[in-house]
Amino acid sequence: MPNTPTSALPRCEARREQILDAAAVCFAREGFHGSSIAKLSKEAGMSPGHIYHFFENKEAIIAALIERRLECAQEMARHFDSTEDVFQALLDRVDIGLKEKTDRESAALELEIFAEAARNPAVASILIEADRIKRDCLIRVTQKARQARTSGQETRDPKTQTESMVAETEILMALFDGLSTRAISHPELDREALTPLLRKVMRALL
C-alpha cells in the first residue's frame, strides 16, 4: 500500500485480513452478488469507507481471496520441497487436504469464486493465472516425488515424462478440487473412508 509507514504495516495487514475473512464468510453465505459492501462492513466490524481504503470494489476483494488461496498452495509446495521424502510427505498430507476441501464454508466460497469467474472475464483471468502458478508448483512437487520413487529407473523419454507429469497433476488437482462439490451435494461424505483410497490413487499415479 503506497505511503504506508513501516511501523503501521502489521496493523494494516491485520485490517486487510479482517476484511478478507469477513468477505469469505459473506460470499460463502450469501454469494458474491448478494454480499453488499454494507454487509461486508457489518461482518468485518468497520465502516464501508474503511473497506474502500483497502479495496476499490468487491472484484478487488475476490481477487485478493484468490491470491490468498494461491499463497497457501505455494506455502504447501515449499513445505514439500523442504522435506527429504516428498512422496511420503504428499501421502501424509492427504487427510489435511481432504479436510480443507470438504469444509462446507470453504467449499461454498471456492464454488462462488468459480461461479463469478464464469461470469466475469476479469476474475476469470486472475483465477486462470493463479491456477497456472499453483499447477506449476504441483508439477514440480510431483516430479520430485516420482524421481524419489523411481530412483533413476524411469525408462520413458524426457518429453513423455513431462507430458505424463502434467496429466497426473491435472488428475490430482481435479480429484481434490472435485471434493468441494461433493461437500456441498453430499454433506454426510465419509471422509475417513476416503483418506486411504486417495492415498491409493496417489500411489498409482506417482
Protein backbone atom coordinates (compact mmCIF):
# COMPACT_ATOMS: atom_id res chain seq x y z
CA MET A 1 0.00 0.00 0.00
CA PRO A 2 1.52 3.40 -1.02
CA ASN A 3 2.80 5.82 1.64
CA THR A 4 2.17 3.39 4.48
CA PRO A 5 4.73 3.75 7.29
CA THR A 6 6.61 0.54 8.04
CA SER A 7 5.61 0.73 11.71
CA ALA A 8 1.93 0.73 10.72
CA LEU A 9 2.20 -2.10 8.21
CA PRO A 10 1.36 -5.01 10.56
CA ARG A 11 -1.84 -3.27 11.67
CA CYS A 12 -2.76 -2.50 8.05
CA GLU A 13 -2.21 -6.13 7.09
CA ALA A 14 -4.34 -7.24 10.03
CA ARG A 15 -7.15 -4.92 8.92
CA ARG A 16 -6.87 -6.20 5.36
CA GLU A 17 -7.05 -9.80 6.55
CA GLN A 18 -10.04 -8.88 8.70
CA ILE A 19 -11.86 -7.65 5.59
CA LEU A 20 -10.93 -10.77 3.62
CA ASP A 21 -12.12 -13.03 6.44
CA ALA A 22 -15.44 -11.18 6.53
CA ALA A 23 -15.75 -11.35 2.74
CA ALA A 24 -15.08 -15.09 2.78
CA VAL A 25 -17.93 -15.57 5.25
CA CYS A 26 -20.34 -13.31 3.34
CA PHE A 27 -19.54 -14.68 -0.12
CA ALA A 28 -19.93 -18.27 1.11
CA ARG A 29 -23.17 -17.49 2.91
CA GLU A 30 -24.88 -15.03 0.56
CA GLY A 31 -22.98 -15.22 -2.70
CA PHE A 32 -20.78 -12.63 -4.38
CA HIS A 33 -23.65 -10.55 -5.74
CA GLY A 34 -25.73 -10.95 -2.60
CA SER A 35 -22.95 -9.52 -0.44
CA SER A 36 -23.06 -5.73 -0.48
CA ILE A 37 -20.28 -3.55 0.88
CA ALA A 38 -22.68 -2.65 3.69
CA LYS A 39 -23.00 -6.33 4.62
CA LEU A 40 -19.24 -6.80 4.38
CA SER A 41 -18.62 -3.81 6.64
CA LYS A 42 -21.06 -5.15 9.22
CA GLU A 43 -19.41 -8.58 9.18
CA ALA A 44 -15.93 -7.01 9.40
CA GLY A 45 -16.94 -4.57 12.12
CA MET A 46 -15.72 -1.50 10.27
CA SER A 47 -17.14 1.27 8.13
CA PRO A 48 -17.66 0.95 4.34
CA GLY A 49 -15.16 3.77 3.91
CA HIS A 50 -12.54 1.72 5.72
CA ILE A 51 -13.13 -1.18 3.34
CA TYR A 52 -12.79 1.12 0.31
CA HIS A 53 -9.49 2.34 1.76
CA PHE A 54 -8.11 -1.17 1.21
CA PHE A 55 -10.14 -2.39 -1.78
CA GLU A 56 -11.53 -0.46 -4.72
CA ASN A 57 -14.54 -2.77 -5.11
CA LYS A 58 -15.78 -6.32 -4.50
CA GLU A 59 -13.92 -7.56 -7.57
CA ALA A 60 -10.66 -6.48 -5.92
CA ILE A 61 -11.69 -8.36 -2.79
CA ILE A 62 -12.39 -11.59 -4.65
CA ALA A 63 -9.04 -11.18 -6.45
CA ALA A 64 -7.35 -10.91 -3.05
CA LEU A 65 -9.14 -14.04 -1.85
CA ILE A 66 -7.83 -15.91 -4.90
CA GLU A 67 -4.34 -14.61 -4.16
CA ARG A 68 -4.60 -15.70 -0.53
CA ARG A 69 -5.55 -19.22 -1.58
CA LEU A 70 -2.66 -19.26 -4.02
CA GLU A 71 -0.25 -18.23 -1.25
CA CYS A 72 -1.46 -21.18 0.83
CA ALA A 73 -0.83 -23.54 -2.10
CA GLN A 74 2.64 -22.09 -2.63
CA GLU A 75 3.45 -22.46 1.06
CA MET A 76 2.36 -26.08 0.86
CA ALA A 77 4.64 -26.61 -2.17
CA ARG A 78 7.56 -25.06 -0.28
CA HIS A 79 6.88 -27.44 2.60
CA PHE A 80 7.04 -30.42 0.25
CA ASP A 81 10.23 -29.10 -1.37
CA SER A 82 11.92 -28.90 2.02
CA THR A 83 11.13 -32.50 3.02
CA GLU A 84 13.53 -35.37 2.46
CA ASP A 85 10.83 -37.78 1.26
CA VAL A 86 8.48 -35.74 -0.92
CA PHE A 87 6.28 -38.68 -1.84
CA GLN A 88 5.68 -39.65 1.78
CA ALA A 89 5.00 -36.01 2.64
CA LEU A 90 2.31 -35.93 -0.05
CA LEU A 91 0.70 -39.06 1.36
CA ASP A 92 0.90 -37.73 4.92
CA ARG A 93 -0.97 -34.58 3.95
CA VAL A 94 -3.87 -36.29 2.19
CA ASP A 95 -6.12 -36.16 5.25
CA ILE A 96 -5.40 -32.45 5.75
CA GLY A 97 -6.16 -31.68 2.09
CA LEU A 98 -9.35 -33.73 2.31
CA LYS A 99 -10.48 -31.84 5.41
CA GLU A 100 -9.75 -28.46 3.82
CA LYS A 101 -11.53 -29.27 0.56
CA THR A 102 -14.62 -30.71 2.26
CA ASP A 103 -15.06 -27.92 4.80
CA ARG A 104 -18.52 -26.66 3.85
CA GLU A 105 -17.81 -22.93 4.22
CA SER A 106 -14.51 -23.19 2.36
CA ALA A 107 -16.18 -25.27 -0.37
CA ALA A 108 -19.02 -22.76 -0.72
CA LEU A 109 -16.52 -19.92 -1.11
CA GLU A 110 -14.50 -21.83 -3.71
CA LEU A 111 -17.60 -22.59 -5.77
CA GLU A 112 -18.70 -18.96 -5.55
CA ILE A 113 -15.31 -17.85 -6.87
CA PHE A 114 -15.60 -20.31 -9.76
CA ALA A 115 -19.14 -19.08 -10.50
CA GLU A 116 -18.02 -15.45 -10.60
CA ALA A 117 -15.07 -16.37 -12.82
CA ALA A 118 -17.52 -18.00 -15.25
CA ARG A 119 -19.43 -14.69 -15.46
CA ASN A 120 -16.65 -12.15 -15.13
CA PRO A 121 -13.70 -12.20 -17.56
CA ALA A 122 -11.54 -10.09 -15.22
CA VAL A 123 -12.00 -12.53 -12.34
CA ALA A 124 -11.53 -15.46 -14.74
CA SER A 125 -8.17 -14.04 -15.84
CA ILE A 126 -7.00 -13.77 -12.22
CA LEU A 127 -8.20 -17.29 -11.39
CA ILE A 128 -6.60 -18.81 -14.50
CA GLU A 129 -3.23 -17.21 -13.73
CA ALA A 130 -3.39 -18.34 -10.09
CA ASP A 131 -4.24 -21.86 -11.25
CA ARG A 132 -1.28 -21.84 -13.64
CA ILE A 133 1.12 -20.90 -10.85
CA LYS A 134 -0.37 -23.48 -8.50
CA ARG A 135 -0.25 -26.15 -11.21
CA ASP A 136 3.42 -25.41 -11.98
CA CYS A 137 4.26 -25.72 -8.28
CA LEU A 138 2.47 -29.06 -8.02
CA ILE A 139 4.07 -30.38 -11.20
CA ARG A 140 7.48 -29.67 -9.69
CA VAL A 141 6.48 -31.41 -6.45
CA THR A 142 5.05 -34.49 -8.18
CA GLN A 143 8.14 -34.68 -10.37
CA LYS A 144 10.36 -34.79 -7.28
CA ALA A 145 8.09 -37.40 -5.72
CA ARG A 146 8.27 -39.62 -8.82
CA GLN A 147 12.04 -39.24 -9.12
CA ALA A 148 12.45 -40.26 -5.50
CA ARG A 149 10.31 -43.35 -6.05
CA THR A 150 11.89 -44.50 -9.31
CA SER A 151 15.48 -43.70 -8.23
CA GLY A 152 16.61 -43.20 -11.81
CA GLN A 153 14.79 -46.28 -13.16
CA GLU A 154 12.43 -44.22 -15.34
CA THR A 155 12.73 -45.51 -18.93
CA ARG A 156 10.47 -43.04 -20.75
CA ASP A 157 11.98 -40.21 -22.76
CA PRO A 158 12.02 -36.75 -21.08
CA LYS A 159 9.20 -35.35 -23.25
CA THR A 160 6.91 -38.27 -22.44
CA GLN A 161 7.79 -37.97 -18.75
CA THR A 162 6.90 -34.28 -18.74
CA GLU A 163 3.61 -34.84 -20.53
CA SER A 164 2.74 -37.62 -18.11
CA MET A 165 3.63 -35.45 -15.11
CA VAL A 166 1.37 -32.65 -16.35
CA ALA A 167 -1.52 -35.07 -16.88
CA GLU A 168 -1.01 -36.68 -13.47
CA THR A 169 -1.04 -33.28 -11.79
CA GLU A 170 -4.25 -32.35 -13.59
CA ILE A 171 -5.88 -35.55 -12.34
CA LEU A 172 -4.78 -34.90 -8.76
CA MET A 173 -6.00 -31.29 -8.87
CA ALA A 174 -9.32 -32.35 -10.38
CA LEU A 175 -9.68 -35.05 -7.75
CA PHE A 176 -9.17 -32.72 -4.79
CA ASP A 177 -11.00 -29.73 -6.32
CA GLY A 178 -13.96 -32.00 -7.01
CA LEU A 179 -14.24 -32.77 -3.31
CA SER A 180 -15.61 -29.25 -2.79
CA THR A 181 -18.68 -30.02 -4.89
CA ARG A 182 -19.12 -33.33 -3.06
CA ALA A 183 -19.03 -31.50 0.28
CA ILE A 184 -21.99 -29.38 -0.85
CA SER A 185 -24.04 -32.08 -2.60
CA HIS A 186 -23.23 -34.82 -0.09
CA PRO A 187 -22.67 -33.29 3.39
CA GLU A 188 -22.55 -36.75 5.03
CA LEU A 189 -19.48 -37.69 2.99
CA ASP A 190 -17.41 -40.33 4.82
CA ARG A 191 -14.05 -38.56 4.97
CA GLU A 192 -12.30 -41.28 6.94
CA ALA A 193 -13.19 -43.87 4.31
CA LEU A 194 -11.89 -41.63 1.52
CA THR A 195 -8.45 -40.98 3.02
CA PRO A 196 -6.84 -44.40 2.34
CA LEU A 197 -8.42 -44.51 -1.13
CA LEU A 198 -6.99 -41.09 -2.01
CA ARG A 199 -3.56 -42.31 -0.90
CA LYS A 200 -4.03 -45.42 -3.06
CA VAL A 201 -4.82 -43.24 -6.08
CA MET A 202 -1.74 -41.10 -5.46
CA ARG A 203 0.46 -44.19 -5.23
CA ALA A 204 -0.98 -45.46 -8.54
CA LEU A 205 -0.43 -42.12 -10.28
CA LEU A 206 3.02 -41.38 -8.94
